[in-house]
Protein backbone atom coordinates (compact mmCIF):
# COMPACT_ATOMS: atom_id res chain seq x y z
CA MET A 1 -45.17 45.68 -29.75
CA THR A 2 -42.07 47.51 -28.74
CA LYS A 3 -42.64 46.60 -25.14
CA PHE A 4 -42.95 42.92 -25.91
CA LEU A 5 -39.71 43.13 -27.93
CA PHE A 6 -37.86 44.81 -25.21
CA ILE A 7 -38.86 42.49 -22.78
CA PHE A 8 -37.96 39.51 -24.95
CA LEU A 9 -34.52 40.98 -25.66
CA PHE A 10 -33.99 41.51 -21.94
CA PHE A 11 -34.76 38.00 -21.11
CA LEU A 12 -32.67 36.70 -23.93
CA SER A 13 -29.67 38.54 -22.85
CA THR A 14 -30.08 37.31 -19.33
CA ILE A 15 -29.86 33.69 -20.67
CA LEU A 16 -27.17 34.19 -23.25
CA SER A 17 -24.67 36.28 -21.21
CA ALA A 18 -21.25 34.55 -21.29
CA GLN A 19 -18.10 34.94 -19.14
CA LYS A 20 -14.64 33.34 -19.15
CA PHE A 21 -13.39 31.56 -16.13
CA ASP A 22 -9.97 29.99 -15.74
CA GLY A 23 -9.45 26.42 -14.90
CA TYR A 24 -8.29 23.18 -16.70
CA VAL A 25 -9.42 20.04 -18.56
CA ILE A 26 -7.83 16.37 -17.92
CA SER A 27 -8.01 14.44 -21.26
CA ASN A 28 -8.48 10.72 -21.49
CA GLU A 29 -4.82 10.50 -21.97
CA ASN A 30 -4.33 12.09 -18.53
CA ASP A 31 -3.07 15.55 -20.18
CA THR A 32 -3.83 18.53 -18.08
CA ILE A 33 -4.61 21.38 -20.24
CA ASN A 34 -4.82 24.90 -18.63
CA CYS A 35 -7.40 27.12 -20.23
CA SER A 36 -10.39 29.46 -19.76
CA PHE A 37 -13.90 28.30 -20.16
CA ASP A 38 -16.48 30.07 -22.33
CA VAL A 39 -19.70 29.47 -20.22
CA GLN A 40 -23.16 31.00 -19.92
CA THR A 41 -23.54 33.38 -16.90
CA ASN A 42 -26.21 35.50 -15.36
CA LEU A 43 -26.58 38.88 -16.79
CA PHE A 44 -26.61 40.66 -13.31
CA ASP A 45 -23.83 38.55 -11.79
CA GLN A 46 -21.02 37.57 -14.18
CA THR A 47 -19.59 35.27 -11.50
CA MET A 48 -22.50 33.10 -11.40
CA PHE A 49 -22.40 30.68 -14.07
CA TYR A 50 -25.11 28.14 -15.44
CA PRO A 51 -23.80 24.58 -14.91
CA THR A 52 -26.37 23.29 -17.69
CA SER A 53 -24.08 25.06 -20.18
CA VAL A 54 -21.62 22.22 -19.70
CA LEU A 55 -23.85 19.16 -19.23
CA LYS A 56 -23.40 17.93 -22.88
CA SER A 57 -20.15 19.77 -23.91
CA VAL A 58 -17.59 22.32 -22.77
CA LYS A 59 -16.08 24.99 -24.68
CA ILE A 60 -12.55 26.13 -23.90
CA ILE A 61 -9.93 28.64 -24.82
CA THR A 62 -6.43 27.15 -24.73
CA GLU A 63 -3.46 29.34 -23.53
CA LYS A 64 -2.57 29.75 -27.30
CA GLY A 65 -6.07 31.37 -27.77
CA GLU A 66 -7.55 28.31 -29.70
CA LYS A 67 -11.10 27.33 -29.19
CA VAL A 68 -12.02 23.95 -28.62
CA LYS A 69 -15.14 22.07 -27.85
CA TYR A 70 -15.01 18.88 -25.83
CA TYR A 71 -17.57 16.18 -25.15
CA PRO A 72 -17.89 13.85 -22.24
CA ASN A 73 -16.37 10.98 -24.15
CA GLN A 74 -13.18 13.15 -24.76
CA LEU A 75 -12.49 14.02 -21.22
CA LYS A 76 -12.01 12.73 -17.84
CA ALA A 77 -12.63 15.76 -15.76
CA PHE A 78 -12.63 19.61 -15.90
CA LEU A 79 -12.43 22.42 -13.19
CA ILE A 80 -13.93 25.79 -13.57
CA LYS A 81 -12.46 28.23 -10.95
CA ASN A 82 -13.53 31.27 -9.21
CA THR A 83 -17.23 31.13 -9.82
CA LYS A 84 -19.62 32.92 -7.41
CA PHE A 85 -20.17 29.58 -5.55
CA GLY A 86 -16.64 28.30 -5.55
CA ASP A 87 -14.78 25.94 -7.74
CA TYR A 88 -16.80 23.37 -9.78
CA ARG A 89 -15.17 20.03 -10.83
CA PHE A 90 -16.97 18.10 -13.54
CA VAL A 91 -16.52 14.63 -14.46
CA SER A 92 -17.41 12.06 -17.22
CA ILE A 93 -18.13 8.91 -15.69
CA ASP A 94 -18.22 5.01 -16.98
CA ALA A 95 -21.45 4.37 -15.41
CA ASP A 96 -23.15 7.00 -17.59
CA LYS A 97 -21.28 5.67 -20.68
CA HIS A 98 -19.89 9.30 -20.98
CA LYS A 99 -23.11 10.87 -22.09
CA ASN A 100 -23.02 13.81 -19.73
CA PHE A 101 -20.68 15.78 -17.38
CA TYR A 102 -21.58 15.73 -13.67
CA GLN A 103 -20.34 17.93 -10.87
CA GLU A 104 -18.27 15.87 -8.63
CA VAL A 105 -19.62 16.19 -4.89
CA THR A 106 -18.12 13.23 -2.96
CA ILE A 107 -15.88 10.41 -4.06
CA GLY A 108 -15.66 7.05 -2.34
CA LYS A 109 -17.35 3.62 -2.24
CA ILE A 110 -20.39 5.51 -2.78
CA SER A 111 -19.97 8.66 -5.00
CA LEU A 112 -22.39 11.56 -5.21
CA TYR A 113 -22.71 13.65 -8.39
CA ARG A 114 -24.90 16.56 -9.29
CA SER A 115 -26.39 17.12 -12.64
CA TYR A 116 -28.55 20.17 -13.55
CA VAL A 117 -31.83 20.71 -15.43
CA ASN A 118 -32.75 23.93 -17.02
CA ASN A 119 -35.24 25.98 -15.06
CA MET A 120 -37.69 27.36 -17.59
CA GLN A 121 -37.97 30.61 -15.96
CA PRO A 122 -35.67 33.26 -17.79
CA GLY A 123 -32.68 34.15 -15.70
CA ALA A 124 -33.30 31.64 -13.07
CA PHE A 125 -30.84 29.20 -11.72
CA PRO A 126 -30.84 25.58 -12.86
CA ILE A 127 -32.54 22.72 -10.80
CA GLU A 128 -30.16 20.27 -9.31
CA LYS A 129 -30.52 16.61 -9.46
CA THR A 130 -28.35 14.30 -7.23
CA PHE A 131 -26.78 11.04 -8.58
CA TYR A 132 -25.41 8.17 -6.59
CA CYS A 133 -22.83 5.87 -7.81
CA LYS A 134 -21.74 2.34 -6.08
CA ASP A 135 -20.40 -0.54 -7.86
CA ASN A 136 -20.31 1.33 -11.23
CA GLU A 137 -24.22 1.65 -11.05
CA LEU A 138 -25.41 5.38 -11.58
CA SER A 139 -28.74 5.90 -9.69
CA SER A 140 -30.95 8.94 -8.87
CA LYS A 141 -34.14 9.40 -6.84
CA GLU A 142 -35.54 12.54 -5.61
CA THR A 143 -35.14 13.03 -1.76
CA ASN A 144 -38.78 14.22 -1.49
CA PHE A 145 -40.16 10.80 -2.70
CA PHE A 146 -41.77 8.64 0.34
CA ASN A 147 -39.70 5.66 -0.25
CA PHE A 148 -36.27 7.45 -0.64
CA ARG A 149 -35.24 6.34 2.90
CA ASN A 150 -35.64 2.74 1.88
CA TRP A 151 -34.21 3.14 -1.53
CA PHE A 152 -30.92 4.84 -0.31
CA GLY A 153 -30.79 2.30 2.70
CA LYS A 154 -30.04 -0.52 0.23
CA PHE A 155 -26.77 1.51 -0.72
CA ILE A 156 -25.36 1.17 2.75
CA GLU A 157 -26.84 -2.22 4.05
CA ASP A 158 -23.06 -3.43 4.17
CA TYR A 159 -22.63 -0.96 7.04
CA PRO A 160 -25.24 -2.35 9.41
CA GLU A 161 -24.70 0.43 12.25
CA LEU A 162 -25.17 3.17 9.81
CA HIS A 163 -27.93 1.60 8.00
CA GLN A 164 -29.89 1.16 11.24
CA LYS A 165 -29.34 4.81 12.24
CA TRP A 166 -30.47 5.97 8.66
CA MET A 167 -33.59 3.84 8.82
CA ASP A 168 -34.43 5.16 12.19
CA SER A 169 -35.61 8.62 10.88
CA ASP A 170 -37.14 9.78 14.19
CA ASN A 171 -33.78 9.79 16.14
CA TYR A 172 -31.01 9.98 13.68
CA TYR A 173 -30.39 11.07 10.02
CA LYS A 174 -33.08 13.04 7.90
CA LYS A 175 -33.27 13.02 4.16
CA ASN A 176 -31.42 16.09 3.75
CA GLN A 177 -28.30 14.83 5.52
CA VAL A 178 -27.80 12.15 2.88
CA ALA A 179 -24.22 13.82 2.07
CA ASP A 180 -23.17 13.49 5.69
CA VAL A 181 -24.39 9.59 5.73
CA VAL A 182 -22.24 9.10 2.51
CA LYS A 183 -19.37 10.72 4.10
CA LEU A 184 -19.64 8.49 7.09
CA TYR A 185 -20.07 5.38 5.08
CA ASN A 186 -17.04 6.25 2.72
CA GLU A 187 -14.81 6.97 5.98
CA HIS A 188 -15.77 3.59 7.34
CA PHE A 189 -14.63 1.70 4.08
CA LYS A 190 -11.30 3.58 3.85
């Protein structure tokens, strides 16, 4: 029994460990508020935060020491600085009706965002899910599905040369290069 309790408490502490990171939030009124973020981190590496802890809401501590909780419909964006994997910028987007915060990856005619799903293994890093936004339509499709190439190809049909290269999987872009394709697409339409 004590062994089970010890293991349970160990894994619970791994999940619930918290750290404060500096950054800022941008309100819907375009006010920038410098703050620190109270987010969940890995017990063994306090610089590695769990993005799932900011999916539905974010807790901040203002410069005055006030604790405030924000939801996606209350903020345009926020930036968490100096994590193990760099700075993370999260946004609330119209196409989602401001239900979640998404990590901003690429902005342009096609925008890429990431959302995170809890990994059920204690202490494991969350699973990433990529979202594509074009013409204010938010879509997601896993890259390992057989029809991903055709599905994503519809996003870039208005750039025929790139579309043709994307569809020719033998000689050009592979599925794991979709971010590169989006970058080329966005540069073409600047």
